Amino acid sequence: MIRKSTSGRITRATAIALFAGTCLVGVGGCQVGINGQTLPSPYYLQDDVQYYPSGPEFKLSREAAALKAARAQEKQNRN
């Protein structure tokens, strides 16, 4: 009894499945959300990215400046 090898069919089917999967990923894309932006979306290259510059390290700088000015004013009023 001689059996025919089916490994050629399995390999061909596997290759076709991998090719089809690669095509689907290429068409659909792998999307990931970064900083509220979905990348890669169809329009991510044309999207106007909003830039928010980093603020001061000390978050209460205006309040500290106002307190310093108030203390200086109070010290000046005492003299």
N, C-alpha and C. Protein backbone atom coordinates (compact mmCIF):
# COMPACT_ATOMS: atom_id res chain seq x y z
N MET A 1 0.83 -1.18 0.00
CA MET A 1 0.00 0.00 0.00
C MET A 1 0.88 1.25 0.00
N ILE A 2 0.66 2.05 -0.95
CA ILE A 2 1.41 3.30 -1.08
C ILE A 2 0.44 4.45 -0.83
N ARG A 3 0.81 5.28 0.12
CA ARG A 3 -0.03 6.45 0.43
C ARG A 3 0.52 7.67 -0.29
N LYS A 4 -0.38 8.50 -0.75
CA LYS A 4 0.03 9.75 -1.37
C LYS A 4 0.24 10.79 -0.27
N SER A 5 1.25 11.56 -0.41
CA SER A 5 1.55 12.59 0.58
C SER A 5 0.62 13.79 0.36
N THR A 6 0.03 14.26 1.43
CA THR A 6 -0.85 15.43 1.36
C THR A 6 -0.17 16.68 1.90
N SER A 7 1.11 16.57 2.20
CA SER A 7 1.80 17.73 2.76
C SER A 7 1.88 18.88 1.77
N GLY A 8 1.89 18.59 0.48
CA GLY A 8 1.88 19.65 -0.53
C GLY A 8 0.60 20.45 -0.50
N ARG A 9 -0.52 19.79 -0.29
CA ARG A 9 -1.80 20.49 -0.21
C ARG A 9 -1.89 21.33 1.06
N ILE A 10 -1.41 20.79 2.15
CA ILE A 10 -1.45 21.54 3.40
C ILE A 10 -0.56 22.77 3.29
N THR A 11 0.58 22.62 2.72
CA THR A 11 1.49 23.75 2.57
C THR A 11 0.89 24.81 1.65
N ARG A 12 0.28 24.38 0.57
CA ARG A 12 -0.35 25.32 -0.35
C ARG A 12 -1.51 26.04 0.33
N ALA A 13 -2.33 25.30 1.08
CA ALA A 13 -3.46 25.92 1.78
C ALA A 13 -2.97 26.89 2.85
N THR A 14 -1.90 26.51 3.53
CA THR A 14 -1.33 27.40 4.54
C THR A 14 -0.79 28.67 3.89
N ALA A 15 -0.12 28.53 2.77
CA ALA A 15 0.42 29.70 2.07
C ALA A 15 -0.70 30.61 1.60
N ILE A 16 -1.77 30.04 1.09
CA ILE A 16 -2.91 30.84 0.64
C ILE A 16 -3.55 31.56 1.81
N ALA A 17 -3.70 30.87 2.94
CA ALA A 17 -4.30 31.49 4.12
C ALA A 17 -3.42 32.63 4.64
N LEU A 18 -2.12 32.42 4.68
CA LEU A 18 -1.21 33.48 5.13
C LEU A 18 -1.24 34.68 4.18
N PHE A 19 -1.28 34.41 2.90
CA PHE A 19 -1.34 35.50 1.92
C PHE A 19 -2.64 36.28 2.07
N ALA A 20 -3.75 35.56 2.24
CA ALA A 20 -5.05 36.23 2.42
C ALA A 20 -5.06 37.05 3.70
N GLY A 21 -4.49 36.51 4.77
CA GLY A 21 -4.42 37.26 6.03
C GLY A 21 -3.57 38.50 5.91
N THR A 22 -2.46 38.38 5.20
CA THR A 22 -1.60 39.55 4.99
C THR A 22 -2.31 40.61 4.17
N CYS A 23 -3.06 40.19 3.17
CA CYS A 23 -3.82 41.15 2.36
C CYS A 23 -4.88 41.85 3.20
N LEU A 24 -5.55 41.11 4.06
CA LEU A 24 -6.58 41.71 4.91
C LEU A 24 -5.98 42.72 5.88
N VAL A 25 -4.84 42.39 6.45
CA VAL A 25 -4.18 43.33 7.36
C VAL A 25 -3.72 44.56 6.59
N GLY A 26 -3.22 44.36 5.38
CA GLY A 26 -2.78 45.49 4.56
C GLY A 26 -3.91 46.41 4.17
N VAL A 27 -5.07 45.85 3.91
CA VAL A 27 -6.22 46.65 3.51
C VAL A 27 -6.84 47.34 4.73
N GLY A 28 -7.00 46.58 5.80
CA GLY A 28 -7.66 47.11 6.99
C GLY A 28 -6.75 47.94 7.86
N GLY A 29 -5.50 47.58 7.94
CA GLY A 29 -4.56 48.29 8.77
C GLY A 29 -4.65 47.84 10.21
N CYS A 30 -3.60 48.04 10.92
CA CYS A 30 -3.58 47.75 12.35
C CYS A 30 -3.72 49.08 13.06
N GLN A 31 -4.86 49.33 13.63
CA GLN A 31 -5.10 50.62 14.26
C GLN A 31 -4.80 50.56 15.74
N VAL A 32 -4.23 51.62 16.24
CA VAL A 32 -3.91 51.74 17.65
C VAL A 32 -4.24 53.17 18.07
N GLY A 33 -4.72 53.33 19.29
CA GLY A 33 -5.03 54.67 19.79
C GLY A 33 -3.87 55.24 20.57
N ILE A 34 -3.34 56.38 20.13
CA ILE A 34 -2.24 57.04 20.82
C ILE A 34 -2.65 58.48 21.05
N ASN A 35 -2.69 58.90 22.30
CA ASN A 35 -3.03 60.27 22.67
C ASN A 35 -4.35 60.72 22.06
N GLY A 36 -5.32 59.83 22.05
CA GLY A 36 -6.63 60.17 21.53
C GLY A 36 -6.73 60.19 20.03
N GLN A 37 -5.69 59.80 19.35
CA GLN A 37 -5.68 59.80 17.89
C GLN A 37 -5.53 58.36 17.42
N THR A 38 -6.39 57.94 16.50
CA THR A 38 -6.32 56.59 15.98
C THR A 38 -5.29 56.53 14.86
N LEU A 39 -4.25 55.74 15.06
CA LEU A 39 -3.18 55.62 14.07
C LEU A 39 -3.05 54.18 13.64
N PRO A 40 -2.79 53.84 12.44
CA PRO A 40 -2.94 54.69 11.28
C PRO A 40 -4.37 54.69 10.81
N SER A 41 -4.94 55.84 10.72
CA SER A 41 -6.25 56.00 10.13
C SER A 41 -6.04 56.44 8.69
N PRO A 42 -7.07 56.41 7.86
CA PRO A 42 -6.86 56.82 6.47
C PRO A 42 -6.39 58.26 6.32
N TYR A 43 -6.61 59.09 7.32
CA TYR A 43 -6.31 60.52 7.19
C TYR A 43 -5.23 60.99 8.15
N TYR A 44 -4.46 60.08 8.76
CA TYR A 44 -3.53 60.53 9.79
C TYR A 44 -2.39 61.37 9.24
N LEU A 45 -2.07 61.22 7.97
CA LEU A 45 -1.01 62.05 7.40
C LEU A 45 -1.49 63.47 7.13
N GLN A 46 -2.78 63.65 6.87
CA GLN A 46 -3.32 64.98 6.61
C GLN A 46 -3.90 65.62 7.87
N ASP A 47 -3.91 64.90 8.97
CA ASP A 47 -4.52 65.41 10.20
C ASP A 47 -3.67 66.53 10.78
N ASP A 48 -4.34 67.61 11.19
CA ASP A 48 -3.61 68.70 11.83
C ASP A 48 -3.47 68.35 13.32
N VAL A 49 -2.25 68.10 13.71
CA VAL A 49 -1.97 67.69 15.07
C VAL A 49 -2.01 68.93 15.95
N GLN A 50 -2.74 68.84 17.04
CA GLN A 50 -2.83 69.96 17.97
C GLN A 50 -1.67 69.85 18.95
N TYR A 51 -0.96 70.94 19.12
CA TYR A 51 0.19 70.96 20.01
C TYR A 51 -0.14 71.83 21.21
N TYR A 52 0.01 71.25 22.37
CA TYR A 52 -0.17 71.99 23.61
C TYR A 52 1.18 72.05 24.30
N PRO A 53 1.79 73.23 24.37
CA PRO A 53 3.11 73.30 25.01
C PRO A 53 3.00 72.98 26.49
N SER A 54 4.05 72.42 27.02
CA SER A 54 4.03 72.06 28.43
C SER A 54 4.02 73.32 29.28
N GLY A 55 3.28 73.25 30.35
CA GLY A 55 3.17 74.38 31.26
C GLY A 55 4.32 74.40 32.25
N PRO A 56 4.26 75.32 33.18
CA PRO A 56 5.33 75.39 34.17
C PRO A 56 5.33 74.15 35.06
N GLU A 57 6.50 73.82 35.56
CA GLU A 57 6.61 72.65 36.44
C GLU A 57 5.84 72.88 37.74
N PHE A 58 5.93 74.11 38.26
CA PHE A 58 5.18 74.46 39.47
C PHE A 58 3.83 74.98 39.02
N LYS A 59 2.77 74.26 39.33
CA LYS A 59 1.44 74.57 38.79
C LYS A 59 0.82 75.84 39.37
N LEU A 60 1.27 76.28 40.52
CA LEU A 60 0.66 77.44 41.17
C LEU A 60 1.56 78.67 41.08
N SER A 61 2.20 78.87 39.95
CA SER A 61 3.15 79.98 39.83
C SER A 61 2.45 81.34 39.93
N ARG A 62 1.27 81.47 39.33
CA ARG A 62 0.55 82.76 39.41
C ARG A 62 0.11 83.06 40.83
N GLU A 63 -0.37 82.03 41.53
CA GLU A 63 -0.81 82.22 42.91
C GLU A 63 0.37 82.59 43.80
N ALA A 64 1.52 81.93 43.58
CA ALA A 64 2.71 82.24 44.37
C ALA A 64 3.18 83.66 44.09
N ALA A 65 3.12 84.09 42.84
CA ALA A 65 3.51 85.46 42.50
C ALA A 65 2.56 86.47 43.13
N ALA A 66 1.26 86.16 43.14
CA ALA A 66 0.29 87.07 43.76
C ALA A 66 0.51 87.16 45.26
N LEU A 67 0.80 86.03 45.92
CA LEU A 67 1.08 86.06 47.36
C LEU A 67 2.35 86.85 47.66
N LYS A 68 3.36 86.68 46.83
CA LYS A 68 4.61 87.42 47.02
C LYS A 68 4.38 88.91 46.86
N ALA A 69 3.58 89.29 45.86
CA ALA A 69 3.28 90.71 45.66
C ALA A 69 2.45 91.26 46.81
N ALA A 70 1.51 90.46 47.33
CA ALA A 70 0.69 90.91 48.45
C ALA A 70 1.54 91.09 49.70
N ARG A 71 2.48 90.17 49.94
CA ARG A 71 3.37 90.32 51.10
C ARG A 71 4.25 91.56 50.96
N ALA A 72 4.74 91.80 49.74
CA ALA A 72 5.57 92.98 49.52
C ALA A 72 4.75 94.25 49.73
N GLN A 73 3.51 94.25 49.27
CA GLN A 73 2.64 95.41 49.45
C GLN A 73 2.34 95.63 50.93
N GLU A 74 2.08 94.53 51.65
CA GLU A 74 1.79 94.64 53.08
C GLU A 74 3.01 95.15 53.85
N LYS A 75 4.19 94.66 53.47
CA LYS A 75 5.42 95.11 54.13
C LYS A 75 5.66 96.59 53.85
N GLN A 76 5.34 97.02 52.62
CA GLN A 76 5.52 98.42 52.25
C GLN A 76 4.53 99.31 53.00
N ASN A 77 3.31 98.83 53.22
CA ASN A 77 2.30 99.60 53.93
C ASN A 77 2.64 99.76 55.41
N ARG A 78 3.35 98.79 55.99
CA ARG A 78 3.74 98.87 57.41
C ARG A 78 4.78 99.96 57.63
N ASN A 79 5.64 100.19 56.66
CA ASN A 79 6.71 101.17 56.83
C ASN A 79 6.24 102.52 56.56
